Amino acid sequence: MSIGQGSLQVTFAYPAFTRLYRTSSPRLLVDGVDQLVRTWGTHTVAVGAGPHQVAVRVVPTSGQEFGLAEAEVTVEFAARTSLSYRAPHFHGSHGRLKVLAAG
């Protein structure tokens, strides 16, 4: 981490026994900027300290993105803020994005 930075640790998960998600990937945007996340699981992204708008969507191999979930988070100086994204059970529904811990 650089001086003045913190990080977001986001865990991306999808419902078990759902074939759609095996061929899809999550899309993470922080303050409207696409982050390099192409697989399910846990990813850490460096961000500046302060408030951030986080959005996650599901990108299927064909068709439109879905599963939008958004959250406003504040990252403290040199701290990690953890979030959890859960994709929806049904195509076209919204996902859930929860702030788990800051600090």
PDB file of N, CA and C in Angstrom:
ATOM      1  N   MET A   1       0.826  -1.173   0.000  1.00  0.00           N
ATOM      2  CA  MET A   1       0.000   0.000   0.000  1.00  0.00           C
ATOM      3  C   MET A   1       0.876   1.245   0.000  1.00  0.00           C
ATOM      4  N   SER A   2       0.514   2.220  -0.770  1.00  0.00           N
ATOM      5  CA  SER A   2       1.218   3.494  -0.779  1.00  0.00           C
ATOM      6  C   SER A   2       0.716   4.366   0.364  1.00  0.00           C
ATOM      7  N   ILE A   3       1.471   5.392   0.667  1.00  0.00           N
ATOM      8  CA  ILE A   3       1.057   6.329   1.708  1.00  0.00           C
ATOM      9  C   ILE A   3      -0.266   6.965   1.292  1.00  0.00           C
ATOM     10  N   GLY A   4      -1.194   7.069   2.228  1.00  0.00           N
ATOM     11  CA  GLY A   4      -2.497   7.661   1.941  1.00  0.00           C
ATOM     12  C   GLY A   4      -3.485   6.693   1.349  1.00  0.00           C
ATOM     13  N   GLN A   5      -3.088   5.428   1.238  1.00  0.00           N
ATOM     14  CA  GLN A   5      -3.990   4.446   0.660  1.00  0.00           C
ATOM     15  C   GLN A   5      -4.515   3.487   1.701  1.00  0.00           C
ATOM     16  N   GLY A   6      -5.602   2.867   1.322  1.00  0.00           N
ATOM     17  CA  GLY A   6      -6.168   1.763   2.072  1.00  0.00           C
ATOM     18  C   GLY A   6      -6.490   0.697   1.056  1.00  0.00           C
ATOM     19  N   SER A   7      -7.331  -0.242   1.426  1.00  0.00           N
ATOM     20  CA  SER A   7      -7.714  -1.269   0.458  1.00  0.00           C
ATOM     21  C   SER A   7      -9.129  -1.757   0.715  1.00  0.00           C
ATOM     22  N   LEU A   8      -9.717  -2.267  -0.346  1.00  0.00           N
ATOM     23  CA  LEU A   8     -11.009  -2.936  -0.279  1.00  0.00           C
ATOM     24  C   LEU A   8     -10.758  -4.409  -0.527  1.00  0.00           C
ATOM     25  N   GLN A   9     -11.256  -5.252   0.350  1.00  0.00           N
ATOM     26  CA  GLN A   9     -11.171  -6.697   0.148  1.00  0.00           C
ATOM     27  C   GLN A   9     -12.598  -7.176  -0.087  1.00  0.00           C
ATOM     28  N   VAL A  10     -12.858  -7.639  -1.310  1.00  0.00           N
ATOM     29  CA  VAL A  10     -14.214  -8.028  -1.688  1.00  0.00           C
ATOM     30  C   VAL A  10     -14.253  -9.524  -1.965  1.00  0.00           C
ATOM     31  N   THR A  11     -15.192 -10.208  -1.320  1.00  0.00           N
ATOM     32  CA  THR A  11     -15.407 -11.632  -1.567  1.00  0.00           C
ATOM     33  C   THR A  11     -16.660 -11.770  -2.420  1.00  0.00           C
ATOM     34  N   PHE A  12     -16.500 -12.386  -3.597  1.00  0.00           N
ATOM     35  CA  PHE A  12     -17.596 -12.587  -4.541  1.00  0.00           C
ATOM     36  C   PHE A  12     -18.069 -14.034  -4.448  1.00  0.00           C
ATOM     37  N   ALA A  13     -19.364 -14.231  -4.225  1.00  0.00           N
ATOM     38  CA  ALA A  13     -19.916 -15.586  -4.117  1.00  0.00           C
ATOM     39  C   ALA A  13     -21.225 -15.664  -4.896  1.00  0.00           C
ATOM     40  N   TYR A  14     -21.577 -16.881  -5.287  1.00  0.00           N
ATOM     41  CA  TYR A  14     -22.843 -17.106  -5.987  1.00  0.00           C
ATOM     42  C   TYR A  14     -23.535 -18.325  -5.393  1.00  0.00           C
ATOM     43  N   PRO A  15     -24.848 -18.461  -5.628  1.00  0.00           N
ATOM     44  CA  PRO A  15     -25.599 -19.585  -5.064  1.00  0.00           C
ATOM     45  C   PRO A  15     -25.083 -20.927  -5.588  1.00  0.00           C
ATOM     46  N   ALA A  16     -25.063 -21.906  -4.711  1.00  0.00           N
ATOM     47  CA  ALA A  16     -24.649 -23.262  -5.106  1.00  0.00           C
ATOM     48  C   ALA A  16     -25.656 -23.843  -6.095  1.00  0.00           C
ATOM     49  N   PHE A  17     -25.201 -24.768  -6.890  1.00  0.00           N
ATOM     50  CA  PHE A  17     -26.041 -25.498  -7.840  1.00  0.00           C
ATOM     51  C   PHE A  17     -26.675 -24.594  -8.896  1.00  0.00           C
ATOM     52  N   THR A  18     -25.990 -23.518  -9.257  1.00  0.00           N
ATOM     53  CA  THR A  18     -26.483 -22.612 -10.289  1.00  0.00           C
ATOM     54  C   THR A  18     -25.483 -22.608 -11.434  1.00  0.00           C
ATOM     55  N   ARG A  19     -25.837 -23.203 -12.546  1.00  0.00           N
ATOM     56  CA  ARG A  19     -24.915 -23.353 -13.681  1.00  0.00           C
ATOM     57  C   ARG A  19     -24.497 -22.032 -14.311  1.00  0.00           C
ATOM     58  N   LEU A  20     -25.395 -21.065 -14.310  1.00  0.00           N
ATOM     59  CA  LEU A  20     -25.135 -19.777 -14.947  1.00  0.00           C
ATOM     60  C   LEU A  20     -23.819 -19.159 -14.481  1.00  0.00           C
ATOM     61  N   TYR A  21     -23.522 -19.265 -13.200  1.00  0.00           N
ATOM     62  CA  TYR A  21     -22.361 -18.577 -12.640  1.00  0.00           C
ATOM     63  C   TYR A  21     -21.036 -19.258 -12.972  1.00  0.00           C
ATOM     64  N   ARG A  22     -21.076 -20.491 -13.397  1.00  0.00           N
ATOM     65  CA  ARG A  22     -19.833 -21.180 -13.770  1.00  0.00           C
ATOM     66  C   ARG A  22     -19.186 -20.556 -14.999  1.00  0.00           C
ATOM     67  N   THR A  23     -19.996 -19.926 -15.834  1.00  0.00           N
ATOM     68  CA  THR A  23     -19.479 -19.310 -17.061  1.00  0.00           C
ATOM     69  C   THR A  23     -19.604 -17.788 -17.027  1.00  0.00           C
ATOM     70  N   SER A  24     -19.775 -17.225 -15.854  1.00  0.00           N
ATOM     71  CA  SER A  24     -19.877 -15.775 -15.716  1.00  0.00           C
ATOM     72  C   SER A  24     -18.762 -15.276 -14.800  1.00  0.00           C
ATOM     73  N   SER A  25     -18.671 -13.966 -14.667  1.00  0.00           N
ATOM     74  CA  SER A  25     -17.680 -13.388 -13.755  1.00  0.00           C
ATOM     75  C   SER A  25     -18.272 -12.139 -13.110  1.00  0.00           C
ATOM     76  N   PRO A  26     -17.735 -11.755 -11.951  1.00  0.00           N
ATOM     77  CA  PRO A  26     -18.192 -10.518 -11.331  1.00  0.00           C
ATOM     78  C   PRO A  26     -17.496  -9.319 -11.971  1.00  0.00           C
ATOM     79  N   ARG A  27     -18.148  -8.175 -11.904  1.00  0.00           N
ATOM     80  CA  ARG A  27     -17.553  -6.921 -12.377  1.00  0.00           C
ATOM     81  C   ARG A  27     -17.593  -5.943 -11.212  1.00  0.00           C
ATOM     82  N   LEU A  28     -16.440  -5.428 -10.834  1.00  0.00           N
ATOM     83  CA  LEU A  28     -16.316  -4.509  -9.706  1.00  0.00           C
ATOM     84  C   LEU A  28     -15.974  -3.112 -10.208  1.00  0.00           C
ATOM     85  N   LEU A  29     -16.758  -2.139  -9.759  1.00  0.00           N
ATOM     86  CA  LEU A  29     -16.470  -0.742 -10.064  1.00  0.00           C
ATOM     87  C   LEU A  29     -16.317   0.018  -8.753  1.00  0.00           C
ATOM     88  N   VAL A  30     -15.251   0.797  -8.649  1.00  0.00           N
ATOM     89  CA  VAL A  30     -15.026   1.654  -7.491  1.00  0.00           C
ATOM     90  C   VAL A  30     -15.012   3.086  -8.007  1.00  0.00           C
ATOM     91  N   ASP A  31     -15.958   3.883  -7.536  1.00  0.00           N
ATOM     92  CA  ASP A  31     -16.109   5.268  -7.991  1.00  0.00           C
ATOM     93  C   ASP A  31     -16.262   5.332  -9.512  1.00  0.00           C
ATOM     94  N   GLY A  32     -16.956   4.353 -10.079  1.00  0.00           N
ATOM     95  CA  GLY A  32     -17.223   4.314 -11.507  1.00  0.00           C
ATOM     96  C   GLY A  32     -16.092   3.780 -12.362  1.00  0.00           C
ATOM     97  N   VAL A  33     -14.991   3.376 -11.744  1.00  0.00           N
ATOM     98  CA  VAL A  33     -13.829   2.862 -12.484  1.00  0.00           C
ATOM     99  C   VAL A  33     -13.792   1.343 -12.377  1.00  0.00           C
ATOM    100  N   ASP A  34     -13.759   0.682 -13.529  1.00  0.00           N
ATOM    101  CA  ASP A  34     -13.723  -0.782 -13.586  1.00  0.00           C
ATOM    102  C   ASP A  34     -12.411  -1.296 -13.001  1.00  0.00           C
ATOM    103  N   GLN A  35     -12.501  -2.260 -12.086  1.00  0.00           N
ATOM    104  CA  GLN A  35     -11.324  -2.869 -11.465  1.00  0.00           C
ATOM    105  C   GLN A  35     -11.048  -4.219 -12.120  1.00  0.00           C
ATOM    106  N   LEU A  36      -9.821  -4.655 -12.098  1.00  0.00           N
ATOM    107  CA  LEU A  36      -9.433  -5.908 -12.742  1.00  0.00           C
ATOM    108  C   LEU A  36      -9.796  -7.094 -11.847  1.00  0.00           C
ATOM    109  N   VAL A  37     -11.036  -7.551 -11.982  1.00  0.00           N
ATOM    110  CA  VAL A  37     -11.540  -8.714 -11.246  1.00  0.00           C
ATOM    111  C   VAL A  37     -12.301  -9.551 -12.261  1.00  0.00           C
ATOM    112  N   ARG A  38     -11.854 -10.758 -12.501  1.00  0.00           N
ATOM    113  CA  ARG A  38     -12.502 -11.581 -13.522  1.00  0.00           C
ATOM    114  C   ARG A  38     -12.914 -12.957 -13.019  1.00  0.00           C
ATOM    115  N   THR A  39     -12.715 -13.229 -11.740  1.00  0.00           N
ATOM    116  CA  THR A  39     -13.075 -14.543 -11.198  1.00  0.00           C
ATOM    117  C   THR A  39     -13.805 -14.379  -9.874  1.00  0.00           C
ATOM    118  N   TRP A  40     -14.535 -15.395  -9.500  1.00  0.00           N
ATOM    119  CA  TRP A  40     -15.206 -15.441  -8.207  1.00  0.00           C
ATOM    120  C   TRP A  40     -14.163 -15.714  -7.131  1.00  0.00           C
ATOM    121  N   GLY A  41     -14.450 -15.341  -5.903  1.00  0.00           N
ATOM    122  CA  GLY A  41     -13.507 -15.537  -4.804  1.00  0.00           C
ATOM    123  C   GLY A  41     -13.203 -14.207  -4.140  1.00  0.00           C
ATOM    124  N   THR A  42     -12.065 -14.121  -3.475  1.00  0.00           N
ATOM    125  CA  THR A  42     -11.695 -12.915  -2.732  1.00  0.00           C
ATOM    126  C   THR A  42     -10.602 -12.150  -3.467  1.00  0.00           C
ATOM    127  N   HIS A  43     -10.811 -10.844  -3.593  1.00  0.00           N
ATOM    128  CA  HIS A  43      -9.868  -9.971  -4.285  1.00  0.00           C
ATOM    129  C   HIS A  43      -9.628  -8.723  -3.444  1.00  0.00           C
ATOM    130  N   THR A  44      -8.421  -8.183  -3.514  1.00  0.00           N
ATOM    131  CA  THR A  44      -8.079  -6.958  -2.798  1.00  0.00           C
ATOM    132  C   THR A  44      -7.686  -5.887  -3.805  1.00  0.00           C
ATOM    133  N   VAL A  45      -8.250  -4.696  -3.616  1.00  0.00           N
ATOM    134  CA  VAL A  45      -8.015  -3.572  -4.516  1.00  0.00           C
ATOM    135  C   VAL A  45      -7.522  -2.387  -3.693  1.00  0.00           C
ATOM    136  N   ALA A  46      -6.419  -1.783  -4.101  1.00  0.00           N
ATOM    137  CA  ALA A  46      -5.899  -0.596  -3.419  1.00  0.00           C
ATOM    138  C   ALA A  46      -6.743   0.615  -3.802  1.00  0.00           C
ATOM    139  N   VAL A  47      -7.102   1.408  -2.805  1.00  0.00           N
ATOM    140  CA  VAL A  47      -7.878   2.628  -3.023  1.00  0.00           C
ATOM    141  C   VAL A  47      -7.331   3.714  -2.100  1.00  0.00           C
ATOM    142  N   GLY A  48      -7.629   4.952  -2.415  1.00  0.00           N
ATOM    143  CA  GLY A  48      -7.248   6.045  -1.533  1.00  0.00           C
ATOM    144  C   GLY A  48      -8.124   6.051  -0.293  1.00  0.00           C
ATOM    145  N   ALA A  49      -7.604   6.588   0.785  1.00  0.00           N
ATOM    146  CA  ALA A  49      -8.405   6.714   1.998  1.00  0.00           C
ATOM    147  C   ALA A  49      -9.554   7.682   1.725  1.00  0.00           C
ATOM    148  N   GLY A  50     -10.713   7.417   2.346  1.00  0.00           N
ATOM    149  CA  GLY A  50     -11.870   8.284   2.178  1.00  0.00           C
ATOM    150  C   GLY A  50     -13.082   7.518   1.695  1.00  0.00           C
ATOM    151  N   PRO A  51     -14.161   8.241   1.358  1.00  0.00           N
ATOM    152  CA  PRO A  51     -15.401   7.595   0.923  1.00  0.00           C
ATOM    153  C   PRO A  51     -15.309   7.108  -0.525  1.00  0.00           C
ATOM    154  N   HIS A  52     -15.972   5.981  -0.789  1.00  0.00           N
ATOM    155  CA  HIS A  52     -15.992   5.398  -2.132  1.00  0.00           C
ATOM    156  C   HIS A  52     -17.364   4.798  -2.420  1.00  0.00           C
ATOM    157  N   GLN A  53     -17.760   4.864  -3.686  1.00  0.00           N
ATOM    158  CA  GLN A  53     -18.980   4.212  -4.155  1.00  0.00           C
ATOM    159  C   GLN A  53     -18.557   2.902  -4.819  1.00  0.00           C
ATOM    160  N   VAL A  54     -19.047   1.770  -4.304  1.00  0.00           N
ATOM    161  CA  VAL A  54     -18.690   0.448  -4.822  1.00  0.00           C
ATOM    162  C   VAL A  54     -19.918  -0.167  -5.482  1.00  0.00           C
ATOM    163  N   ALA A  55     -19.730  -0.708  -6.673  1.00  0.00           N
ATOM    164  CA  ALA A  55     -20.814  -1.385  -7.388  1.00  0.00           C
ATOM    165  C   ALA A  55     -20.298  -2.714  -7.926  1.00  0.00           C
ATOM    166  N   VAL A  56     -21.160  -3.724  -7.888  1.00  0.00           N
ATOM    167  CA  VAL A  56     -20.822  -5.051  -8.414  1.00  0.00           C
ATOM    168  C   VAL A  56     -21.964  -5.508  -9.309  1.00  0.00           C
ATOM    169  N   ARG A  57     -21.603  -6.153 -10.419  1.00  0.00           N
ATOM    170  CA  ARG A  57     -22.573  -6.747 -11.345  1.00  0.00           C
ATOM    171  C   ARG A  57     -22.051  -8.119 -11.750  1.00  0.00           C
ATOM    172  N   VAL A  58     -22.940  -8.934 -12.292  1.00  0.00           N
ATOM    173  CA  VAL A  58     -22.559 -10.231 -12.853  1.00  0.00           C
ATOM    174  C   VAL A  58     -22.498 -10.068 -14.367  1.00  0.00           C
ATOM    175  N   VAL A  59     -21.407 -10.564 -14.962  1.00  0.00           N
ATOM    176  CA  VAL A  59     -21.223 -10.493 -16.411  1.00  0.00           C
ATOM    177  C   VAL A  59     -21.315 -11.910 -16.971  1.00  0.00           C
ATOM    178  N   PRO A  60     -22.451 -12.263 -17.615  1.00  0.00           N
ATOM    179  CA  PRO A  60     -22.558 -13.589 -18.224  1.00  0.00           C
ATOM    180  C   PRO A  60     -21.785 -13.628 -19.546  1.00  0.00           C
ATOM    181  N   THR A  61     -21.536 -14.828 -20.056  1.00  0.00           N
ATOM    182  CA  THR A  61     -20.816 -14.938 -21.326  1.00  0.00           C
ATOM    183  C   THR A  61     -21.637 -14.374 -22.476  1.00  0.00           C
ATOM    184  N   SER A  62     -22.951 -14.415 -22.355  1.00  0.00           N
ATOM    185  CA  SER A  62     -23.812 -13.791 -23.359  1.00  0.00           C
ATOM    186  C   SER A  62     -24.997 -13.154 -22.641  1.00  0.00           C
ATOM    187  N   GLY A  63     -25.472 -12.066 -23.182  1.00  0.00           N
ATOM    188  CA  GLY A  63     -26.593 -11.376 -22.552  1.00  0.00           C
ATOM    189  C   GLY A  63     -26.131 -10.173 -21.762  1.00  0.00           C
ATOM    190  N   GLN A  64     -27.086  -9.560 -21.081  1.00  0.00           N
ATOM    191  CA  GLN A  64     -26.802  -8.343 -20.340  1.00  0.00           C
ATOM    192  C   GLN A  64     -26.364  -8.614 -18.912  1.00  0.00           C
ATOM    193  N   GLU A  65     -25.589  -7.677 -18.382  1.00  0.00           N
ATOM    194  CA  GLU A  65     -25.168  -7.758 -16.986  1.00  0.00           C
ATOM    195  C   GLU A  65     -26.401  -7.690 -16.084  1.00  0.00           C
ATOM    196  N   PHE A  66     -26.301  -8.312 -14.914  1.00  0.00           N
ATOM    197  CA  PHE A  66     -27.397  -8.286 -13.944  1.00  0.00           C
ATOM    198  C   PHE A  66     -26.813  -8.436 -12.550  1.00  0.00           C
ATOM    199  N   GLY A  67     -27.680  -8.462 -11.552  1.00  0.00           N
ATOM    200  CA  GLY A  67     -27.231  -8.678 -10.177  1.00  0.00           C
ATOM    201  C   GLY A  67     -26.607  -7.462  -9.534  1.00  0.00           C
ATOM    202  N   LEU A  68     -27.000  -6.260  -9.979  1.00  0.00           N
ATOM    203  CA  LEU A  68     -26.405  -5.038  -9.458  1.00  0.00           C
ATOM    204  C   LEU A  68     -26.592  -4.927  -7.946  1.00  0.00           C
ATOM    205  N   ALA A  69     -25.525  -4.552  -7.270  1.00  0.00           N
ATOM    206  CA  ALA A  69     -25.554  -4.219  -5.845  1.00  0.00           C
ATOM    207  C   ALA A  69     -24.568  -3.079  -5.634  1.00  0.00           C
ATOM    208  N   GLU A  70     -24.942  -2.111  -4.811  1.00  0.00           N
ATOM    209  CA  GLU A  70     -24.093  -0.950  -4.576  1.00  0.00           C
ATOM    210  C   GLU A  70     -23.979  -0.662  -3.087  1.00  0.00           C
ATOM    211  N   ALA A  71     -22.869  -0.052  -2.703  1.00  0.00           N
ATOM    212  CA  ALA A  71     -22.667   0.352  -1.312  1.00  0.00           C
ATOM    213  C   ALA A  71     -21.728   1.545  -1.263  1.00  0.00           C
ATOM    214  N   GLU A  72     -21.959   2.390  -0.301  1.00  0.00           N
ATOM    215  CA  GLU A  72     -21.070   3.512  -0.010  1.00  0.00           C
ATOM    216  C   GLU A  72     -20.187   3.071   1.150  1.00  0.00           C
ATOM    217  N   VAL A  73     -18.870   3.144   0.983  1.00  0.00           N
ATOM    218  CA  VAL A  73     -17.952   2.723   2.046  1.00  0.00           C
ATOM    219  C   VAL A  73     -16.916   3.815   2.293  1.00  0.00           C
ATOM    220  N   THR A  74     -16.417   3.856   3.511  1.00  0.00           N
ATOM    221  CA  THR A  74     -15.332   4.769   3.850  1.00  0.00           C
ATOM    222  C   THR A  74     -14.130   3.935   4.264  1.00  0.00           C
ATOM    223  N   VAL A  75     -13.024   4.160   3.573  1.00  0.00           N
ATOM    224  CA  VAL A  75     -11.786   3.440   3.860  1.00  0.00           C
ATOM    225  C   VAL A  75     -10.889   4.361   4.677  1.00  0.00           C
ATOM    226  N   GLU A  76     -10.472   3.884   5.823  1.00  0.00           N
ATOM    227  CA  GLU A  76      -9.588   4.663   6.687  1.00  0.00           C
ATOM    228  C   GLU A  76      -8.147   4.585   6.173  1.00  0.00           C
ATOM    229  N   PHE A  77      -7.344   5.536   6.583  1.00  0.00           N
ATOM    230  CA  PHE A  77      -5.938   5.594   6.198  1.00  0.00           C
ATOM    231  C   PHE A  77      -5.225   4.292   6.580  1.00  0.00           C
ATOM    232  N   ALA A  78      -4.567   3.662   5.631  1.00  0.00           N
ATOM    233  CA  ALA A  78      -3.786   2.428   5.817  1.00  0.00           C
ATOM    234  C   ALA A  78      -4.604   1.267   6.370  1.00  0.00           C
ATOM    235  N   ALA A  79      -5.920   1.269   6.112  1.00  0.00           N
ATOM    236  CA  ALA A  79      -6.794   0.208   6.632  1.00  0.00           C
ATOM    237  C   ALA A  79      -7.422  -0.578   5.488  1.00  0.00           C
ATOM    238  N   ARG A  80      -7.925  -1.750   5.818  1.00  0.00           N
ATOM    239  CA  ARG A  80      -8.626  -2.597   4.857  1.00  0.00           C
ATOM    240  C   ARG A  80     -10.105  -2.639   5.246  1.00  0.00           C
ATOM    241  N   THR A  81     -10.963  -2.413   4.267  1.00  0.00           N
ATOM    242  CA  THR A  81     -12.401  -2.532   4.469  1.00  0.00           C
ATOM    243  C   THR A  81     -12.860  -3.770   3.711  1.00  0.00           C
ATOM    244  N   SER A  82     -13.552  -4.672   4.400  1.00  0.00           N
ATOM    245  CA  SER A  82     -13.993  -5.935   3.794  1.00  0.00           C
ATOM    246  C   SER A  82     -15.461  -5.861   3.406  1.00  0.00           C
ATOM    247  N   LEU A  83     -15.746  -6.373   2.206  1.00  0.00           N
ATOM    248  CA  LEU A  83     -17.114  -6.436   1.706  1.00  0.00           C
ATOM    249  C   LEU A  83     -17.409  -7.843   1.210  1.00  0.00           C
ATOM    250  N   SER A  84     -18.693  -8.168   1.161  1.00  0.00           N
ATOM    251  CA  SER A  84     -19.129  -9.466   0.660  1.00  0.00           C
ATOM    252  C   SER A  84     -20.240  -9.249  -0.355  1.00  0.00           C
ATOM    253  N   TYR A  85     -20.056  -9.810  -1.559  1.00  0.00           N
ATOM    254  CA  TYR A  85     -21.082  -9.745  -2.602  1.00  0.00           C
ATOM    255  C   TYR A  85     -21.670 -11.128  -2.792  1.00  0.00           C
ATOM    256  N   ARG A  86     -22.993 -11.198  -2.796  1.00  0.00           N
ATOM    257  CA  ARG A  86     -23.699 -12.459  -3.042  1.00  0.00           C
ATOM    258  C   ARG A  86     -24.577 -12.261  -4.269  1.00  0.00           C
ATOM    259  N   ALA A  87     -24.304 -13.031  -5.318  1.00  0.00           N
ATOM    260  CA  ALA A  87     -25.074 -12.944  -6.553  1.00  0.00           C
ATOM    261  C   ALA A  87     -26.498 -13.456  -6.312  1.00  0.00           C
ATOM    262  N   PRO A  88     -27.460 -12.990  -7.109  1.00  0.00           N
ATOM    263  CA  PRO A  88     -28.852 -13.405  -6.913  1.00  0.00           C
ATOM    264  C   PRO A  88     -29.105 -14.844  -7.358  1.00  0.00           C
ATOM    265  N   HIS A  89     -30.180 -15.420  -6.840  1.00  0.00           N
ATOM    266  CA  HIS A  89     -30.585 -16.770  -7.242  1.00  0.00           C
ATOM    267  C   HIS A  89     -31.163 -16.786  -8.651  1.00  0.00           C
ATOM    268  N   PHE A  90     -31.771 -15.669  -9.058  1.00  0.00           N
ATOM    269  CA  PHE A  90     -32.457 -15.621 -10.344  1.00  0.00           C
ATOM    270  C   PHE A  90     -31.872 -14.541 -11.239  1.00  0.00           C
ATOM    271  N   HIS A  91     -31.727 -14.869 -12.518  1.00  0.00           N
ATOM    272  CA  HIS A  91     -31.236 -13.922 -13.509  1.00  0.00           C
ATOM    273  C   HIS A  91     -32.167 -12.709 -13.524  1.00  0.00           C
ATOM    274  N   GLY A  92     -31.593 -11.540 -13.541  1.00  0.00           N
ATOM    275  CA  GLY A  92     -32.384 -10.320 -13.572  1.00  0.00           C
ATOM    276  C   GLY A  92     -32.628  -9.709 -12.206  1.00  0.00           C
ATOM    277  N   SER A  93     -32.361 -10.451 -11.143  1.00  0.00           N
ATOM    278  CA  SER A  93     -32.547  -9.930  -9.787  1.00  0.00           C
ATOM    279  C   SER A  93     -31.305  -9.159  -9.342  1.00  0.00           C
ATOM    280  N   HIS A  94     -31.442  -8.452  -8.229  1.00  0.00           N
ATOM    281  CA  HIS A  94     -30.316  -7.710  -7.659  1.00  0.00           C
ATOM    282  C   HIS A  94     -29.495  -8.610  -6.747  1.00  0.00           C
ATOM    283  N   GLY A  95     -28.204  -8.337  -6.659  1.00  0.00           N
ATOM    284  CA  GLY A  95     -27.328  -9.029  -5.725  1.00  0.00           C
ATOM    285  C   GLY A  95     -27.331  -8.309  -4.385  1.00  0.00           C
ATOM    286  N   ARG A  96     -26.503  -8.802  -3.450  1.00  0.00           N
ATOM    287  CA  ARG A  96     -26.367  -8.166  -2.130  1.00  0.00           C
ATOM    288  C   ARG A  96     -24.901  -7.837  -1.892  1.00  0.00           C
ATOM    289  N   LEU A  97     -24.646  -6.624  -1.451  1.00  0.00           N
ATOM    290  CA  LEU A  97     -23.295  -6.187  -1.131  1.00  0.00           C
ATOM    291  C   LEU A  97     -23.308  -5.673   0.299  1.00  0.00           C
ATOM    292  N   LYS A  98     -22.551  -6.339   1.174  1.00  0.00           N
ATOM    293  CA  LYS A  98     -22.525  -5.969   2.589  1.00  0.00           C
ATOM    294  C   LYS A  98     -21.120  -5.563   3.006  1.00  0.00           C
ATOM    295  N   VAL A  99     -21.047  -4.521   3.814  1.00  0.00           N
ATOM    296  CA  VAL A  99     -19.781  -4.118   4.418  1.00  0.00           C
ATOM    297  C   VAL A  99     -19.617  -4.962   5.671  1.00  0.00           C
ATOM    298  N   LEU A 100     -18.552  -5.771   5.722  1.00  0.00           N
ATOM    299  CA  LEU A 100     -18.337  -6.689   6.839  1.00  0.00           C
ATOM    300  C   LEU A 100     -17.501  -6.071   7.944  1.00  0.00           C
ATOM    301  N   ALA A 101     -16.435  -5.392   7.578  1.00  0.00           N
ATOM    302  CA  ALA A 101     -15.540  -4.827   8.589  1.00  0.00           C
ATOM    303  C   ALA A 101     -14.722  -3.699   7.990  1.00  0.00           C
ATOM    304  N   ALA A 102     -14.486  -2.711   8.795  1.00  0.00           N
ATOM    305  CA  ALA A 102     -13.611  -1.615   8.405  1.00  0.00           C
ATOM    306  C   ALA A 102     -12.516  -1.515   9.450  1.00  0.00           C
ATOM    307  N   GLY A 103     -11.306  -1.345   8.998  1.00  0.00           N
ATOM    308  CA  GLY A 103     -10.228  -1.215   9.973  1.00  0.00           C
ATOM    309  C   GLY A 103      -9.124  -2.032   9.630  1.00  0.00           C
TER     310      GLY A 103
END
